[in-house]
């Protein structure tokens, strides 16, 4: 009887997304990067549609890379040509080393989400249920929700911040983040995603 229930589809999709998340850190990232579209602007900003992000820390919790905590970040994965281009311009480009045989080294750059700035980034979460999409603005600490949601798509605009920390000149700061939440990751079949927050 469970297979006949409307929630069965969400259950199996949730399992699929869990498996997808587990293998995300291998060759799958390289495949997903083929769909990413980068647009560069004269002021140094660039936009990424269908961005691939990992190492999410939108809550700013302390970890091995940020022991003191307080800094909200995510890693933006980059195709090889884009990563090398940014590195030549002075960006801090890192390499995620292969974890097992057959994996492909992935280039990425850490991006900061400064919600305490005088001009914080625009961050929106879009959820869809029964064909209706709800847009929720995430302000301040609410941006930490992105650490837990199942992500279907990310579009992001990055601004280069210039600093004096040789040998790197630029660090990326998010100006605009639009996250589409996967329906498969919504509890109760996503029926509560349809309500706006007060």
C-alpha atoms as a PDB file:
ATOM      1  CA  UNK A   1       0.000   0.000   0.000  1.00  0.00           C
ATOM      2  CA  UNK A   2       2.860   2.399   0.699  1.00  0.00           C
ATOM      3  CA  UNK A   3       3.857   2.305  -2.981  1.00  0.00           C
ATOM      4  CA  UNK A   4       0.386   3.600  -3.862  1.00  0.00           C
ATOM      5  CA  UNK A   5       0.596   6.583  -1.525  1.00  0.00           C
ATOM      6  CA  UNK A   6       1.455  10.022  -2.991  1.00  0.00           C
ATOM      7  CA  UNK A   7       4.399  10.286  -0.578  1.00  0.00           C
ATOM      8  CA  UNK A   8       6.072   7.200  -2.041  1.00  0.00           C
ATOM      9  CA  UNK A   9       7.427   9.220  -4.962  1.00  0.00           C
ATOM     10  CA  UNK A  10       8.939  11.770  -2.570  1.00  0.00           C
ATOM     11  CA  UNK A  11      10.451   8.976  -0.471  1.00  0.00           C
ATOM     12  CA  UNK A  12      12.249   7.367  -3.390  1.00  0.00           C
ATOM     13  CA  UNK A  13      13.332  10.744  -4.742  1.00  0.00           C
ATOM     14  CA  UNK A  14      14.768  11.534  -1.317  1.00  0.00           C
ATOM     15  CA  UNK A  15      16.817   8.329  -1.423  1.00  0.00           C
ATOM     16  CA  UNK A  16      18.027   9.225  -4.898  1.00  0.00           C
ATOM     17  CA  UNK A  17      19.108  12.701  -3.742  1.00  0.00           C
ATOM     18  CA  UNK A  18      20.901  11.206  -0.744  1.00  0.00           C
ATOM     19  CA  UNK A  19      22.856   8.886  -3.045  1.00  0.00           C
ATOM     20  CA  UNK A  20      23.549  11.837  -5.359  1.00  0.00           C
ATOM     21  CA  UNK A  21      24.918  13.864  -2.442  1.00  0.00           C
ATOM     22  CA  UNK A  22      27.225  11.007  -1.370  1.00  0.00           C
ATOM     23  CA  UNK A  23      28.844  10.652  -4.793  1.00  0.00           C
ATOM     24  CA  UNK A  24      28.854  14.404  -5.405  1.00  0.00           C
ATOM     25  CA  UNK A  25      32.510  14.744  -4.432  1.00  0.00           C
ATOM     26  CA  UNK A  26      33.864  12.545  -7.196  1.00  0.00           C
ATOM     27  CA  UNK A  27      33.598  12.575 -10.967  1.00  0.00           C
ATOM     28  CA  UNK A  28      29.979  13.733 -10.699  1.00  0.00           C
ATOM     29  CA  UNK A  29      31.086  17.312  -9.965  1.00  0.00           C
ATOM     30  CA  UNK A  30      32.948  17.461 -13.264  1.00  0.00           C
ATOM     31  CA  UNK A  31      29.796  16.329 -15.063  1.00  0.00           C
ATOM     32  CA  UNK A  32      27.642  18.926 -13.299  1.00  0.00           C
ATOM     33  CA  UNK A  33      30.130  21.679 -14.118  1.00  0.00           C
ATOM     34  CA  UNK A  34      29.362  21.194 -17.799  1.00  0.00           C
ATOM     35  CA  UNK A  35      25.998  22.850 -17.145  1.00  0.00           C
ATOM     36  CA  UNK A  36      27.455  25.843 -15.288  1.00  0.00           C
ATOM     37  CA  UNK A  37      27.379  29.095 -17.247  1.00  0.00           C
ATOM     38  CA  UNK A  38      29.801  31.875 -16.310  1.00  0.00           C
ATOM     39  CA  UNK A  39      29.270  35.521 -17.296  1.00  0.00           C
ATOM     40  CA  UNK A  40      31.991  38.076 -16.530  1.00  0.00           C
ATOM     41  CA  UNK A  41      31.482  41.824 -16.133  1.00  0.00           C
ATOM     42  CA  UNK A  42      33.749  44.846 -16.529  1.00  0.00           C
ATOM     43  CA  UNK A  43      33.789  45.601 -12.789  1.00  0.00           C
ATOM     44  CA  UNK A  44      35.228  42.142 -12.078  1.00  0.00           C
ATOM     45  CA  UNK A  45      31.963  40.568 -10.935  1.00  0.00           C
ATOM     46  CA  UNK A  46      30.858  37.298 -12.459  1.00  0.00           C
ATOM     47  CA  UNK A  47      27.607  35.363 -12.434  1.00  0.00           C
ATOM     48  CA  UNK A  48      27.254  31.604 -12.431  1.00  0.00           C
ATOM     49  CA  UNK A  49      24.027  29.943 -13.502  1.00  0.00           C
ATOM     50  CA  UNK A  50      23.641  26.314 -12.437  1.00  0.00           C
ATOM     51  CA  UNK A  51      26.540  26.757 -10.037  1.00  0.00           C
ATOM     52  CA  UNK A  52      28.066  23.763  -8.280  1.00  0.00           C
ATOM     53  CA  UNK A  53      28.795  24.503  -4.623  1.00  0.00           C
ATOM     54  CA  UNK A  54      30.174  22.355  -1.834  1.00  0.00           C
ATOM     55  CA  UNK A  55      31.681  22.732   1.665  1.00  0.00           C
ATOM     56  CA  UNK A  56      28.609  24.757   2.651  1.00  0.00           C
ATOM     57  CA  UNK A  57      28.909  26.732   5.886  1.00  0.00           C
ATOM     58  CA  UNK A  58      26.167  29.325   5.674  1.00  0.00           C
ATOM     59  CA  UNK A  59      25.751  29.159   9.453  1.00  0.00           C
ATOM     60  CA  UNK A  60      29.334  30.259  10.035  1.00  0.00           C
ATOM     61  CA  UNK A  61      30.059  27.460  12.503  1.00  0.00           C
ATOM     62  CA  UNK A  62      33.635  26.758  13.474  1.00  0.00           C
ATOM     63  CA  UNK A  63      35.397  24.011  11.542  1.00  0.00           C
ATOM     64  CA  UNK A  64      38.891  22.958  10.539  1.00  0.00           C
ATOM     65  CA  UNK A  65      39.080  25.736   7.956  1.00  0.00           C
ATOM     66  CA  UNK A  66      37.442  28.369  10.163  1.00  0.00           C
ATOM     67  CA  UNK A  67      38.220  27.406  13.795  1.00  0.00           C
ATOM     68  CA  UNK A  68      36.905  30.615  15.332  1.00  0.00           C
ATOM     69  CA  UNK A  69      33.649  30.464  13.386  1.00  0.00           C
ATOM     70  CA  UNK A  70      31.609  33.488  12.398  1.00  0.00           C
ATOM     71  CA  UNK A  71      32.531  33.430   8.706  1.00  0.00           C
ATOM     72  CA  UNK A  72      29.800  32.158   6.386  1.00  0.00           C
ATOM     73  CA  UNK A  73      31.281  30.523   3.315  1.00  0.00           C
ATOM     74  CA  UNK A  74      30.824  28.039   0.528  1.00  0.00           C
ATOM     75  CA  UNK A  75      33.157  26.599  -2.099  1.00  0.00           C
ATOM     76  CA  UNK A  76      32.344  27.444  -5.707  1.00  0.00           C
ATOM     77  CA  UNK A  77      33.533  24.667  -8.022  1.00  0.00           C
ATOM     78  CA  UNK A  78      35.138  25.786 -11.263  1.00  0.00           C
ATOM     79  CA  UNK A  79      35.829  24.279 -14.663  1.00  0.00           C
ATOM     80  CA  UNK A  80      39.558  24.002 -15.326  1.00  0.00           C
ATOM     81  CA  UNK A  81      39.700  26.880 -17.823  1.00  0.00           C
ATOM     82  CA  UNK A  82      37.758  29.250 -15.552  1.00  0.00           C
ATOM     83  CA  UNK A  83      39.806  28.276 -12.507  1.00  0.00           C
ATOM     84  CA  UNK A  84      43.092  28.854 -14.308  1.00  0.00           C
ATOM     85  CA  UNK A  85      41.834  32.194 -15.655  1.00  0.00           C
ATOM     86  CA  UNK A  86      40.911  33.413 -12.172  1.00  0.00           C
ATOM     87  CA  UNK A  87      44.191  32.133 -10.741  1.00  0.00           C
ATOM     88  CA  UNK A  88      46.100  34.141 -13.349  1.00  0.00           C
ATOM     89  CA  UNK A  89      44.204  37.227 -12.175  1.00  0.00           C
ATOM     90  CA  UNK A  90      45.245  36.658  -8.573  1.00  0.00           C
ATOM     91  CA  UNK A  91      42.365  34.672  -7.118  1.00  0.00           C
ATOM     92  CA  UNK A  92      42.974  32.036  -4.466  1.00  0.00           C
ATOM     93  CA  UNK A  93      42.116  28.868  -6.391  1.00  0.00           C
ATOM     94  CA  UNK A  94      42.344  25.578  -4.536  1.00  0.00           C
ATOM     95  CA  UNK A  95      42.305  21.984  -5.700  1.00  0.00           C
ATOM     96  CA  UNK A  96      40.182  19.252  -4.148  1.00  0.00           C
ATOM     97  CA  UNK A  97      42.511  16.288  -4.430  1.00  0.00           C
ATOM     98  CA  UNK A  98      41.066  12.982  -5.697  1.00  0.00           C
ATOM     99  CA  UNK A  99      39.889  10.733  -2.866  1.00  0.00           C
ATOM    100  CA  UNK A 100      39.889   7.504  -4.820  1.00  0.00           C
ATOM    101  CA  UNK A 101      41.059   6.063  -8.101  1.00  0.00           C
ATOM    102  CA  UNK A 102      39.160   7.509 -11.042  1.00  0.00           C
ATOM    103  CA  UNK A 103      38.292  10.796  -9.327  1.00  0.00           C
ATOM    104  CA  UNK A 104      39.088  14.057 -11.112  1.00  0.00           C
ATOM    105  CA  UNK A 105      40.831  16.958  -9.316  1.00  0.00           C
ATOM    106  CA  UNK A 106      38.326  19.790  -8.911  1.00  0.00           C
ATOM    107  CA  UNK A 107      39.269  23.474  -8.813  1.00  0.00           C
ATOM    108  CA  UNK A 108      37.306  25.704  -6.441  1.00  0.00           C
ATOM    109  CA  UNK A 109      37.437  29.054  -4.698  1.00  0.00           C
ATOM    110  CA  UNK A 110      36.063  29.905  -1.269  1.00  0.00           C
ATOM    111  CA  UNK A 111      33.342  32.574  -1.323  1.00  0.00           C
ATOM    112  CA  UNK A 112      32.214  34.619   1.664  1.00  0.00           C
ATOM    113  CA  UNK A 113      28.562  35.373   2.478  1.00  0.00           C
ATOM    114  CA  UNK A 114      28.805  38.502   4.630  1.00  0.00           C
ATOM    115  CA  UNK A 115      25.344  38.970   6.135  1.00  0.00           C
ATOM    116  CA  UNK A 116      26.729  41.537   8.620  1.00  0.00           C
ATOM    117  CA  UNK A 117      27.808  43.955   5.899  1.00  0.00           C
ATOM    118  CA  UNK A 118      26.153  47.345   5.433  1.00  0.00           C
ATOM    119  CA  UNK A 119      25.128  45.965   2.054  1.00  0.00           C
ATOM    120  CA  UNK A 120      24.505  42.249   2.651  1.00  0.00           C
ATOM    121  CA  UNK A 121      23.916  39.957  -0.304  1.00  0.00           C
ATOM    122  CA  UNK A 122      20.460  39.153  -1.562  1.00  0.00           C
ATOM    123  CA  UNK A 123      19.727  35.539  -0.647  1.00  0.00           C
ATOM    124  CA  UNK A 124      16.504  33.848  -1.722  1.00  0.00           C
ATOM    125  CA  UNK A 125      15.188  30.314  -1.356  1.00  0.00           C
ATOM    126  CA  UNK A 126      12.682  29.133  -3.942  1.00  0.00           C
ATOM    127  CA  UNK A 127      10.445  26.145  -3.191  1.00  0.00           C
ATOM    128  CA  UNK A 128       7.877  24.556  -5.495  1.00  0.00           C
ATOM    129  CA  UNK A 129       4.812  22.486  -4.664  1.00  0.00           C
ATOM    130  CA  UNK A 130       1.942  21.564  -6.992  1.00  0.00           C
ATOM    131  CA  UNK A 131       3.300  23.901  -9.628  1.00  0.00           C
ATOM    132  CA  UNK A 132       3.410  26.949  -7.351  1.00  0.00           C
ATOM    133  CA  UNK A 133       6.761  28.493  -6.445  1.00  0.00           C
ATOM    134  CA  UNK A 134       7.310  30.352  -3.181  1.00  0.00           C
ATOM    135  CA  UNK A 135      10.128  32.881  -2.892  1.00  0.00           C
ATOM    136  CA  UNK A 136      11.555  33.352   0.621  1.00  0.00           C
ATOM    137  CA  UNK A 137      14.120  36.039   1.425  1.00  0.00           C
ATOM    138  CA  UNK A 138      16.778  34.814   3.861  1.00  0.00           C
ATOM    139  CA  UNK A 139      18.202  37.605   5.986  1.00  0.00           C
ATOM    140  CA  UNK A 140      20.759  37.510   8.788  1.00  0.00           C
ATOM    141  CA  UNK A 141      21.015  34.179  10.576  1.00  0.00           C
ATOM    142  CA  UNK A 142      18.167  32.753   8.473  1.00  0.00           C
ATOM    143  CA  UNK A 143      20.691  32.097   5.703  1.00  0.00           C
ATOM    144  CA  UNK A 144      21.896  29.120   7.779  1.00  0.00           C
ATOM    145  CA  UNK A 145      18.879  27.199   6.405  1.00  0.00           C
ATOM    146  CA  UNK A 146      20.862  26.641   3.217  1.00  0.00           C
ATOM    147  CA  UNK A 147      23.158  24.251   5.074  1.00  0.00           C
ATOM    148  CA  UNK A 148      20.282  21.801   5.475  1.00  0.00           C
ATOM    149  CA  UNK A 149      18.071  22.093   2.401  1.00  0.00           C
ATOM    150  CA  UNK A 150      18.290  19.750  -0.567  1.00  0.00           C
ATOM    151  CA  UNK A 151      19.475  21.955  -3.420  1.00  0.00           C
ATOM    152  CA  UNK A 152      18.206  21.532  -6.960  1.00  0.00           C
ATOM    153  CA  UNK A 153      19.867  24.617  -8.478  1.00  0.00           C
ATOM    154  CA  UNK A 154      22.019  27.593  -7.494  1.00  0.00           C
ATOM    155  CA  UNK A 155      22.556  30.872  -9.340  1.00  0.00           C
ATOM    156  CA  UNK A 156      25.094  33.203  -7.781  1.00  0.00           C
ATOM    157  CA  UNK A 157      26.839  36.520  -8.456  1.00  0.00           C
ATOM    158  CA  UNK A 158      30.345  36.922  -7.041  1.00  0.00           C
ATOM    159  CA  UNK A 159      32.210  40.185  -6.401  1.00  0.00           C
ATOM    160  CA  UNK A 160      36.027  40.251  -6.130  1.00  0.00           C
ATOM    161  CA  UNK A 161      37.300  41.790  -2.909  1.00  0.00           C
ATOM    162  CA  UNK A 162      40.867  43.050  -3.174  1.00  0.00           C
ATOM    163  CA  UNK A 163      43.126  42.512  -0.191  1.00  0.00           C
ATOM    164  CA  UNK A 164      46.833  42.639   0.574  1.00  0.00           C
ATOM    165  CA  UNK A 165      47.638  39.036   1.337  1.00  0.00           C
ATOM    166  CA  UNK A 166      50.254  37.895  -1.158  1.00  0.00           C
ATOM    167  CA  UNK A 167      50.389  35.862  -3.240  1.00  0.00           C
ATOM    168  CA  UNK A 168      46.616  36.149  -3.647  1.00  0.00           C
ATOM    169  CA  UNK A 169      44.958  39.441  -4.576  1.00  0.00           C
ATOM    170  CA  UNK A 170      41.255  38.639  -4.791  1.00  0.00           C
ATOM    171  CA  UNK A 171      38.700  36.811  -2.683  1.00  0.00           C
ATOM    172  CA  UNK A 172      35.112  36.225  -3.731  1.00  0.00           C
ATOM    173  CA  UNK A 173      32.155  37.735  -1.873  1.00  0.00           C
ATOM    174  CA  UNK A 174      28.626  36.711  -2.779  1.00  0.00           C
ATOM    175  CA  UNK A 175      26.417  39.578  -3.944  1.00  0.00           C
ATOM    176  CA  UNK A 176      23.361  37.577  -4.933  1.00  0.00           C
ATOM    177  CA  UNK A 177      22.383  33.952  -4.267  1.00  0.00           C
ATOM    178  CA  UNK A 178      19.217  32.282  -5.588  1.00  0.00           C
ATOM    179  CA  UNK A 179      18.722  28.714  -4.395  1.00  0.00           C
ATOM    180  CA  UNK A 180      16.016  26.410  -5.723  1.00  0.00           C
ATOM    181  CA  UNK A 181      15.097  23.747  -3.184  1.00  0.00           C
ATOM    182  CA  UNK A 182      14.538  20.224  -4.449  1.00  0.00           C
ATOM    183  CA  UNK A 183      10.982  18.984  -3.944  1.00  0.00           C
ATOM    184  CA  UNK A 184      12.377  15.590  -2.993  1.00  0.00           C
ATOM    185  CA  UNK A 185      14.016  17.099   0.090  1.00  0.00           C
ATOM    186  CA  UNK A 186      10.839  18.741   1.385  1.00  0.00           C
ATOM    187  CA  UNK A 187       9.129  17.083   4.332  1.00  0.00           C
ATOM    188  CA  UNK A 188       5.470  16.025   4.071  1.00  0.00           C
ATOM    189  CA  UNK A 189       5.655  16.028   0.285  1.00  0.00           C
ATOM    190  CA  UNK A 190       6.444  19.750   0.267  1.00  0.00           C
ATOM    191  CA  UNK A 191       2.893  20.830   1.158  1.00  0.00           C
ATOM    192  CA  UNK A 192       4.140  23.277   3.800  1.00  0.00           C
ATOM    193  CA  UNK A 193       6.612  24.930   1.415  1.00  0.00           C
ATOM    194  CA  UNK A 194       3.681  26.800  -0.087  1.00  0.00           C
ATOM    195  CA  UNK A 195       3.287  29.167   2.872  1.00  0.00           C
ATOM    196  CA  UNK A 196       5.088  32.496   3.094  1.00  0.00           C
ATOM    197  CA  UNK A 197       7.053  33.328   6.234  1.00  0.00           C
ATOM    198  CA  UNK A 198       6.084  36.299   8.377  1.00  0.00           C
END
